[in-house]
Amino acid sequence: MIAVALGLAPAALAHPQASPDTNNRYLKLTPMGDRVRVAYTIFLGEKPGAALRRRLDRDRNGEIDDAEAAPYGEEIAALVKLAVSVTIDGRPTSIAWTTVDVGLGTPSVVGGAFSVDLVGWLCTSGPSHRLVLRDTVRLDRPGESEVKIEDGPGVLIGARTLGGQAMDKLDQLWTGADGPLTEGLDLSWTVDDAAARPADGRCHDARPKGSRWPWAKATLALIALAAIAMVAWKARQRKVNG
């Protein structure tokens, strides 16, 4: 359970202000031309953060190095991935985390709040999309949670509900355990040619239009050449037989 894993966890630097004794959660979705960027932050409070720092300092030298912090980040990434279910355009999918960052601020064991920041991608194809996301992450000492939808050039955000209620804005904040994400976020949007499509190879639509499906173009070219050769061969045969 994530409640166990985060029971002593600290507050994240991805938000302006850490809580003294509660743990916060922030989810931001950014639809793009060929994907959705998912940013998920566990922002852990001052008191629970201080307690967890002492646990992470395995060699007891008073500081937490990358080798001590990284396994905790990977543990939280795996737990969040299991607790967050996603469908896009009716197809179940999972988030591929490409960034897992434990933001300690200071490596000192006597520090307080810190964050676990996750960034991942959900690939899409086509102009119109619908995403349904349900988050059952359970934080110990839950504080505030926020869902934010980020639009951009070429992206038109459409109908959206959170916990079965229409969202009149692109973000919503609440406090306490559970909350509307346990029932789910339902989001629709469309994209056009102006939408960002990073050329990083993660999603198939990221390739420039001129280079998409090169194997298909090559196949068509071979078929055309074969047809020309066949026509020429038949013409020669008619001359020989004539």
Protein backbone atom coordinates (compact mmCIF):
# COMPACT_ATOMS: atom_id res chain seq x y z
CA MET A 1 0.00 0.00 0.00
CA ILE A 2 1.19 3.49 -0.77
CA ALA A 3 -0.08 4.57 2.62
CA VAL A 4 2.65 2.41 4.13
CA ALA A 5 5.34 3.53 1.71
CA LEU A 6 4.53 7.20 2.29
CA GLY A 7 3.69 6.93 5.94
CA LEU A 8 6.91 8.72 6.85
CA ALA A 9 7.31 10.63 3.62
CA PRO A 10 8.10 14.35 3.11
CA ALA A 11 6.75 17.36 1.21
CA ALA A 12 7.60 18.11 -2.39
CA LEU A 13 9.38 21.10 -3.82
CA ALA A 14 7.09 21.13 -6.87
CA HIS A 15 4.58 23.25 -4.91
CA PRO A 16 5.20 26.71 -3.40
CA GLN A 17 4.66 25.76 0.23
CA ALA A 18 5.19 22.57 2.20
CA SER A 19 2.70 21.43 4.81
CA PRO A 20 3.98 21.12 8.38
CA ASP A 21 2.58 17.63 8.94
CA THR A 22 0.52 16.40 5.97
CA ASN A 23 1.38 14.89 2.58
CA ASN A 24 0.07 16.44 -0.63
CA ARG A 25 -0.48 15.16 -4.17
CA TYR A 26 -0.47 17.03 -7.49
CA LEU A 27 -1.43 15.63 -10.88
CA LYS A 28 -1.01 17.61 -14.11
CA LEU A 29 -2.07 16.35 -17.53
CA THR A 30 -0.81 18.09 -20.68
CA PRO A 31 -2.43 16.84 -23.91
CA MET A 32 -0.20 17.26 -26.97
CA GLY A 33 -0.36 16.31 -30.62
CA ASP A 34 0.63 12.67 -30.19
CA ARG A 35 0.62 12.10 -26.44
CA VAL A 36 -0.36 13.21 -22.98
CA ARG A 37 2.36 14.34 -20.60
CA VAL A 38 1.65 13.18 -17.05
CA ALA A 39 3.32 14.93 -14.11
CA TYR A 40 2.63 13.39 -10.71
CA THR A 41 4.11 14.79 -7.50
CA ILE A 42 3.92 13.48 -3.97
CA PHE A 43 4.69 16.56 -1.84
CA LEU A 44 5.54 15.34 1.62
CA GLY A 45 5.30 17.44 4.77
CA GLU A 46 7.96 18.79 7.13
CA LYS A 47 7.46 16.35 10.03
CA PRO A 48 6.93 13.17 8.00
CA GLY A 49 9.77 14.24 5.71
CA ALA A 50 12.19 14.61 8.59
CA ALA A 51 11.29 11.13 9.85
CA LEU A 52 11.76 9.55 6.44
CA ARG A 53 15.15 11.20 5.92
CA ARG A 54 16.48 9.30 8.93
CA ARG A 55 15.25 6.04 7.38
CA LEU A 56 16.81 6.80 3.99
CA ASP A 57 20.25 7.51 5.50
CA ARG A 58 21.26 3.86 5.53
CA ASP A 59 24.98 4.42 6.14
CA ARG A 60 24.22 6.87 8.99
CA ASN A 61 26.64 9.51 7.78
CA GLY A 62 24.16 12.35 8.19
CA GLU A 63 23.49 12.84 4.48
CA ILE A 64 21.29 11.15 1.87
CA ASP A 65 23.10 10.51 -1.41
CA ASP A 66 21.59 9.58 -4.79
CA ALA A 67 22.13 5.87 -4.21
CA GLU A 68 20.04 6.06 -1.03
CA ALA A 69 17.30 8.29 -2.46
CA ALA A 70 16.83 6.64 -5.87
CA PRO A 71 15.38 3.31 -4.64
CA TYR A 72 12.71 5.18 -2.70
CA GLY A 73 11.77 7.12 -5.84
CA GLU A 74 11.53 3.92 -7.88
CA GLU A 75 9.40 2.32 -5.17
CA ILE A 76 6.94 5.20 -5.23
CA ALA A 77 6.90 5.24 -9.06
CA ALA A 78 5.97 1.55 -9.11
CA LEU A 79 3.27 1.98 -6.46
CA VAL A 80 1.71 4.97 -8.20
CA LYS A 81 1.74 3.14 -11.54
CA LEU A 82 -0.19 0.25 -9.99
CA ALA A 83 -2.71 2.56 -8.28
CA VAL A 84 -3.46 4.73 -11.32
CA SER A 85 -5.57 3.14 -14.07
CA VAL A 86 -5.93 4.84 -17.45
CA THR A 87 -7.87 4.27 -20.64
CA ILE A 88 -7.39 6.35 -23.77
CA ASP A 89 -10.00 6.15 -26.50
CA GLY A 90 -11.42 3.06 -24.81
CA ARG A 91 -8.10 1.20 -24.63
CA PRO A 92 -6.48 0.41 -21.26
CA THR A 93 -2.92 1.68 -21.05
CA SER A 94 -0.29 2.43 -18.43
CA ILE A 95 1.98 5.36 -17.78
CA ALA A 96 5.61 4.94 -18.83
CA TRP A 97 7.60 6.98 -16.30
CA THR A 98 10.62 8.59 -17.93
CA THR A 99 11.57 10.82 -14.99
CA VAL A 100 11.71 9.77 -11.35
CA ASP A 101 13.21 12.49 -9.18
CA VAL A 102 13.51 12.60 -5.40
CA GLY A 103 13.77 16.33 -4.72
CA LEU A 104 15.44 16.55 -1.33
CA GLY A 105 16.45 20.18 -1.57
CA THR A 106 19.19 19.53 0.96
CA PRO A 107 20.72 16.07 1.41
CA SER A 108 20.97 16.59 5.17
CA VAL A 109 19.19 14.16 7.46
CA VAL A 110 18.07 17.11 9.61
CA GLY A 111 16.12 18.60 6.69
CA GLY A 112 12.36 18.37 6.38
CA ALA A 113 9.95 18.41 3.44
CA PHE A 114 10.83 16.89 0.08
CA SER A 115 9.12 15.59 -3.04
CA VAL A 116 8.92 12.62 -5.34
CA ASP A 117 8.33 13.96 -8.86
CA LEU A 118 7.25 11.59 -11.64
CA VAL A 119 6.92 12.43 -15.33
CA GLY A 120 5.55 10.01 -17.91
CA TRP A 121 3.81 9.75 -21.27
CA LEU A 122 0.66 8.28 -22.74
CA CYS A 123 0.84 8.00 -26.54
CA THR A 124 -2.15 8.87 -28.71
CA SER A 125 -3.00 8.73 -32.40
CA GLY A 126 -5.50 10.82 -34.33
CA PRO A 127 -7.22 14.16 -33.71
CA SER A 128 -9.91 13.34 -31.10
CA HIS A 129 -9.38 11.71 -27.75
CA ARG A 130 -10.99 10.73 -24.48
CA LEU A 131 -9.03 9.84 -21.36
CA VAL A 132 -10.43 8.22 -18.23
CA LEU A 133 -8.08 8.17 -15.25
CA ARG A 134 -8.77 6.72 -11.81
CA ASP A 135 -6.30 7.26 -8.97
CA THR A 136 -6.53 5.12 -5.81
CA VAL A 137 -3.25 6.28 -4.26
CA ARG A 138 -3.79 6.48 -0.49
CA LEU A 139 -1.49 8.83 1.37
CA ASP A 140 -0.84 8.63 5.07
CA ARG A 141 -1.64 11.99 6.66
CA PRO A 142 -3.36 13.24 3.47
CA GLY A 143 -3.35 16.97 2.94
CA GLU A 144 -4.34 18.68 -0.28
CA SER A 145 -4.69 17.16 -3.73
CA GLU A 146 -4.88 19.00 -7.04
CA VAL A 147 -5.71 18.00 -10.60
CA LYS A 148 -4.66 20.39 -13.33
CA ILE A 149 -5.27 20.13 -17.08
CA GLU A 150 -2.88 22.16 -19.21
CA ASP A 151 -3.87 23.24 -22.70
CA GLY A 152 -1.65 24.69 -25.39
CA PRO A 153 -1.43 25.67 -29.08
CA GLY A 154 -3.42 23.31 -31.28
CA VAL A 155 -5.14 21.64 -28.31
CA LEU A 156 -8.83 22.21 -27.61
CA ILE A 157 -9.98 20.91 -24.24
CA GLY A 158 -13.54 19.60 -24.39
CA ALA A 159 -15.93 18.00 -21.91
CA ARG A 160 -14.44 17.01 -18.57
CA THR A 161 -15.72 15.61 -15.31
CA LEU A 162 -13.99 14.81 -12.02
CA GLY A 163 -15.67 12.43 -9.63
CA GLY A 164 -18.74 12.49 -11.82
CA GLN A 165 -19.11 16.28 -11.58
CA ALA A 166 -18.45 18.70 -14.43
CA MET A 167 -15.24 20.73 -14.12
CA ASP A 168 -15.91 24.40 -14.85
CA LYS A 169 -12.17 25.17 -14.71
CA LEU A 170 -9.02 23.33 -15.78
CA ASP A 171 -7.92 22.69 -12.22
CA GLN A 172 -9.49 21.52 -8.98
CA LEU A 173 -8.16 21.39 -5.43
CA TRP A 174 -9.46 19.49 -2.39
CA THR A 175 -8.24 18.30 0.99
CA GLY A 176 -8.41 15.06 2.92
CA ALA A 177 -8.37 11.38 2.13
CA ASP A 178 -9.68 9.84 -1.08
CA GLY A 179 -11.49 12.52 -3.11
CA PRO A 180 -12.92 12.70 -6.63
CA LEU A 181 -9.94 10.99 -8.30
CA THR A 182 -10.99 7.70 -6.73
CA GLU A 183 -14.15 7.94 -8.87
CA GLY A 184 -12.17 9.18 -11.85
CA LEU A 185 -11.29 11.99 -14.23
CA ASP A 186 -13.01 11.89 -17.63
CA LEU A 187 -11.43 14.23 -20.18
CA SER A 188 -12.00 14.84 -23.90
CA TRP A 189 -9.92 16.96 -26.28
CA THR A 190 -8.99 17.46 -29.93
CA VAL A 191 -5.71 18.40 -31.59
CA ASP A 192 -4.74 19.91 -34.92
CA ASP A 193 -1.46 20.37 -36.83
CA ALA A 194 -0.37 23.19 -34.51
CA ALA A 195 -0.20 20.87 -31.49
CA ALA A 196 3.27 19.98 -30.22
CA ARG A 197 4.71 16.63 -31.34
CA PRO A 198 8.17 16.26 -29.80
CA ALA A 199 10.62 14.50 -32.10
CA ASP A 200 11.92 12.20 -29.38
CA GLY A 201 10.73 8.89 -30.85
CA ARG A 202 8.51 8.06 -27.88
CA CYS A 203 5.23 8.20 -29.82
CA HIS A 204 4.79 7.29 -33.49
CA ASP A 205 3.15 10.61 -34.48
CA ALA A 206 6.24 12.46 -33.28
CA ARG A 207 7.92 11.86 -36.63
CA PRO A 208 7.74 14.61 -39.26
CA LYS A 209 4.93 14.09 -41.72
CA GLY A 210 7.34 13.56 -44.59
CA SER A 211 8.99 10.64 -42.80
CA ARG A 212 5.91 8.79 -41.55
CA TRP A 213 5.41 5.22 -42.74
CA PRO A 214 8.53 5.10 -44.97
CA TRP A 215 8.07 1.34 -45.43
CA ALA A 216 4.61 1.94 -46.96
CA LYS A 217 6.00 4.47 -49.42
CA ALA A 218 8.80 2.11 -50.39
CA THR A 219 6.30 -0.70 -50.94
CA LEU A 220 4.16 1.47 -53.20
CA ALA A 221 7.23 2.49 -55.17
CA LEU A 222 8.21 -1.17 -55.70
CA ILE A 223 4.68 -2.04 -56.82
CA ALA A 224 4.74 0.81 -59.32
CA LEU A 225 8.11 -0.28 -60.71
CA ALA A 226 6.90 -3.88 -60.99
CA ALA A 227 3.80 -2.72 -62.90
CA ILE A 228 5.92 -0.67 -65.32
CA ALA A 229 8.24 -3.64 -65.87
CA MET A 230 5.27 -5.92 -66.54
CA VAL A 231 3.79 -3.53 -69.10
CA ALA A 232 7.17 -3.26 -70.87
CA TRP A 233 7.60 -7.05 -70.91
CA LYS A 234 4.14 -7.60 -72.38
CA ALA A 235 4.85 -4.98 -75.05
CA ARG A 236 8.04 -6.80 -76.05
CA GLN A 237 6.20 -10.12 -76.16
CA ARG A 238 3.56 -8.71 -78.51
CA LYS A 239 6.31 -7.49 -80.85
CA VAL A 240 8.03 -10.88 -80.84
CA ASN A 241 4.79 -12.79 -81.46
CA GLY A 242 3.61 -10.30 -84.08
